[in-house]
Amino acid sequence: TSQTDIATAYNNWVAGFTYSGGCNATDNIDELPPLSDLICGGSISFTYIVTSDCDTAQCSGSFGVEDAPALVVNCPTDTMLAACTSQTDIATAYNNWVAGFTFSGGCNATDNIDELPPLSDLICGGSISFTYIVTSDCDTAQCSGSFGVEDAPALVVNCPADTMLAACTSQTDIAT
């Protein structure tokens, strides 16, 4: 519930404290607690007392807002793909990893998913780390995850040793 809607409901609740009759009656409405920030939940209680020359009467009331649902954030498990995974398979795994960043609860919660680093060329290896932060009117929660591809094994090239045969070597000796 928005703070504006809470304030409107509170003012309507306050307007319900009334009296009639009595002689020279006075009340304690000026002692009513002011509206505090209840957007995350809470309540205000008040005992309304009216005193007249002949009698005293009272009633009690409370105004409240249900507690906000707990803010829960979820991050995917860290993902590490094998070296030399194809770019298509890397992209699919990355998109599945991104889909694992979710939240529920809170009041007017927003997240920073738009700050997630874009997928770079990881075919030869590398990783991306991200801290997912969700902020609501009532609290903030975060978790982290990483996505990567193992470094490609070093490329090793082997060449034969230089060979120099004597002049006039027979073709049979050259072939063997």
Protein backbone atom coordinates (compact mmCIF):
# COMPACT_ATOMS: atom_id res chain seq x y z
CA THR A 1 0.00 0.00 0.00
CA SER A 2 1.39 3.41 -0.92
CA GLN A 3 2.15 6.03 1.74
CA THR A 4 -0.55 8.27 0.19
CA ASP A 5 -3.18 5.54 0.52
CA ILE A 6 -2.05 4.85 4.09
CA ALA A 7 -2.35 8.56 4.96
CA THR A 8 -5.86 8.73 3.47
CA ALA A 9 -7.00 5.66 5.42
CA TYR A 10 -5.40 7.05 8.59
CA ASN A 11 -7.20 10.39 8.21
CA ASN A 12 -10.50 8.54 7.70
CA TRP A 13 -9.80 6.49 10.85
CA VAL A 14 -9.03 9.65 12.85
CA ALA A 15 -12.26 11.27 11.60
CA GLY A 16 -14.16 8.36 13.18
CA PHE A 17 -13.34 9.52 16.72
CA THR A 18 -16.33 11.72 17.57
CA TYR A 19 -18.65 12.45 20.46
CA SER A 20 -21.98 14.11 21.09
CA GLY A 21 -23.89 15.16 24.19
CA GLY A 22 -22.59 15.89 27.65
CA CYS A 23 -22.09 19.28 29.24
CA ASN A 24 -18.94 21.19 28.39
CA ALA A 25 -17.36 18.05 26.96
CA THR A 26 -13.69 17.93 25.97
CA ASP A 27 -11.68 15.15 24.37
CA ASN A 28 -8.08 14.07 24.03
CA ILE A 29 -7.98 13.92 20.22
CA ASP A 30 -4.90 16.16 20.27
CA GLU A 31 -3.05 13.30 22.00
CA LEU A 32 -3.63 10.99 19.04
CA PRO A 33 -0.26 9.60 17.87
CA PRO A 34 0.84 11.07 14.55
CA LEU A 35 1.01 8.84 11.54
CA SER A 36 4.42 7.25 11.38
CA ASP A 37 5.95 5.53 8.39
CA LEU A 38 3.85 2.37 8.25
CA ILE A 39 4.55 1.43 4.63
CA CYS A 40 6.44 -1.66 5.85
CA GLY A 41 3.81 -2.53 8.44
CA GLY A 42 2.92 -1.65 11.99
CA SER A 43 0.08 -0.18 14.00
CA ILE A 44 -1.05 2.74 16.11
CA SER A 45 -3.42 2.34 19.06
CA PHE A 46 -5.37 5.11 20.74
CA THR A 47 -7.77 5.38 23.64
CA TYR A 48 -10.21 8.21 22.96
CA ILE A 49 -11.42 9.83 26.19
CA VAL A 50 -14.24 12.37 26.42
CA THR A 51 -14.89 14.14 29.70
CA SER A 52 -17.90 16.30 30.47
CA ASP A 53 -19.15 18.00 33.62
CA CYS A 54 -21.28 14.94 34.33
CA ASP A 55 -19.50 11.93 32.92
CA THR A 56 -16.41 10.41 31.28
CA ALA A 57 -16.55 7.96 28.39
CA GLN A 58 -13.89 6.27 26.33
CA CYS A 59 -13.30 3.89 23.47
CA SER A 60 -10.19 2.44 21.88
CA GLY A 61 -9.19 1.87 18.32
CA SER A 62 -6.18 0.85 16.35
CA PHE A 63 -4.94 1.56 12.85
CA GLY A 64 -2.53 -0.76 11.17
CA VAL A 65 -0.83 -1.91 8.01
CA GLU A 66 0.06 -5.56 7.51
CA ASP A 67 3.76 -6.32 7.60
CA ALA A 68 5.41 -6.23 4.19
CA PRO A 69 6.18 -9.63 2.71
CA ALA A 70 9.78 -10.65 3.30
CA LEU A 71 12.17 -9.71 0.50
CA VAL A 72 13.78 -12.85 -0.90
CA VAL A 73 16.48 -12.80 -3.58
CA ASN A 74 17.67 -15.80 -5.56
CA CYS A 75 20.89 -16.18 -7.51
CA PRO A 76 21.75 -19.03 -9.83
CA THR A 77 24.45 -21.48 -8.86
CA ASP A 78 27.87 -20.55 -10.15
CA THR A 79 28.34 -21.93 -13.65
CA MET A 80 31.67 -23.03 -15.13
CA LEU A 81 31.62 -24.53 -18.62
CA ALA A 82 34.31 -26.75 -20.07
CA ALA A 83 37.03 -25.23 -22.23
CA CYS A 84 36.28 -24.99 -25.95
CA THR A 85 32.48 -24.97 -25.48
CA SER A 86 30.83 -23.57 -28.61
CA GLN A 87 29.69 -19.94 -28.58
CA THR A 88 26.07 -21.09 -29.11
CA ASP A 89 26.20 -23.37 -26.06
CA ILE A 90 27.89 -20.60 -24.03
CA ALA A 91 25.10 -18.16 -24.98
CA THR A 92 22.39 -20.66 -24.02
CA ALA A 93 24.03 -21.41 -20.66
CA TYR A 94 24.53 -17.67 -20.02
CA ASN A 95 20.85 -16.89 -20.71
CA ASN A 96 19.81 -19.70 -18.34
CA TRP A 97 22.21 -18.31 -15.70
CA VAL A 98 20.77 -14.78 -16.08
CA ALA A 99 17.21 -16.15 -15.71
CA GLY A 100 18.21 -17.46 -12.27
CA PHE A 101 18.44 -13.95 -10.78
CA THR A 102 14.97 -13.42 -9.28
CA PHE A 103 13.26 -11.87 -6.27
CA SER A 104 9.92 -11.92 -4.51
CA GLY A 105 8.29 -9.93 -1.73
CA GLY A 106 9.18 -6.50 -0.45
CA CYS A 107 7.25 -3.31 -1.18
CA ASN A 108 7.86 -1.54 -4.48
CA ALA A 109 11.02 -3.57 -4.99
CA THR A 110 13.47 -2.82 -7.81
CA ASP A 111 16.60 -4.67 -8.87
CA ASN A 112 19.84 -3.97 -10.72
CA ILE A 113 19.50 -6.75 -13.32
CA ASP A 114 20.00 -4.14 -16.06
CA GLU A 115 23.57 -3.70 -14.75
CA LEU A 116 24.44 -7.34 -15.48
CA PRO A 117 27.57 -7.47 -17.66
CA PRO A 118 26.81 -8.54 -21.22
CA LEU A 119 28.12 -11.83 -22.48
CA SER A 120 31.58 -11.34 -23.93
CA ASP A 121 33.55 -13.76 -26.09
CA LEU A 122 34.39 -16.48 -23.59
CA ILE A 123 35.12 -19.28 -26.07
CA CYS A 124 38.80 -19.24 -25.04
CA GLY A 125 37.97 -18.88 -21.33
CA GLY A 126 37.12 -16.23 -18.80
CA SER A 127 34.39 -15.36 -16.33
CA ILE A 128 31.76 -12.81 -15.32
CA SER A 129 30.76 -12.09 -11.71
CA PHE A 130 27.65 -10.19 -10.66
CA THR A 131 26.19 -8.99 -7.35
CA TYR A 132 22.41 -8.92 -7.63
CA ILE A 133 20.89 -6.18 -5.43
CA VAL A 134 17.18 -5.74 -4.75
CA THR A 135 15.92 -2.69 -2.88
CA SER A 136 12.41 -2.24 -1.55
CA ASP A 137 10.76 0.41 0.60
CA CYS A 138 11.48 -1.78 3.61
CA ASP A 139 14.87 -3.40 3.09
CA THR A 140 17.65 -4.40 0.72
CA ALA A 141 18.92 -7.89 -0.07
CA GLN A 142 21.66 -9.18 -2.33
CA CYS A 143 23.41 -12.30 -3.55
CA SER A 144 26.19 -13.00 -6.03
CA GLY A 145 26.88 -15.39 -8.85
CA SER A 146 29.53 -16.11 -11.44
CA PHE A 147 29.53 -17.54 -14.94
CA GLY A 148 32.57 -18.71 -16.80
CA VAL A 149 34.31 -20.96 -19.26
CA GLU A 150 37.50 -22.81 -18.34
CA ASP A 151 40.59 -21.48 -20.07
CA ALA A 152 41.41 -23.29 -23.28
CA PRO A 153 44.41 -25.58 -23.01
CA ALA A 154 47.63 -24.08 -24.31
CA LEU A 155 48.15 -24.64 -28.01
CA VAL A 156 51.25 -26.77 -28.51
CA VAL A 157 52.89 -27.08 -31.94
CA ASN A 158 55.54 -29.69 -32.69
CA CYS A 159 57.88 -29.52 -35.65
CA PRO A 160 60.46 -32.11 -36.71
CA ALA A 161 64.13 -31.33 -36.29
CA ASP A 162 65.89 -29.83 -39.30
CA THR A 163 67.26 -32.51 -41.54
CA MET A 164 70.19 -32.05 -43.90
CA LEU A 165 71.27 -34.93 -46.08
CA ALA A 166 74.54 -35.16 -47.87
CA ALA A 167 74.68 -34.26 -51.52
CA CYS A 168 74.07 -37.10 -53.92
CA THR A 169 72.02 -39.13 -51.40
CA SER A 170 69.97 -41.74 -53.27
CA GLN A 171 66.24 -41.35 -53.56
CA THR A 172 65.74 -44.58 -51.61
CA ASP A 173 67.75 -43.20 -48.66
CA ILE A 174 65.83 -39.88 -48.80
CA ALA A 175 62.45 -41.67 -48.68
CA THR A 176 63.33 -43.72 -45.62
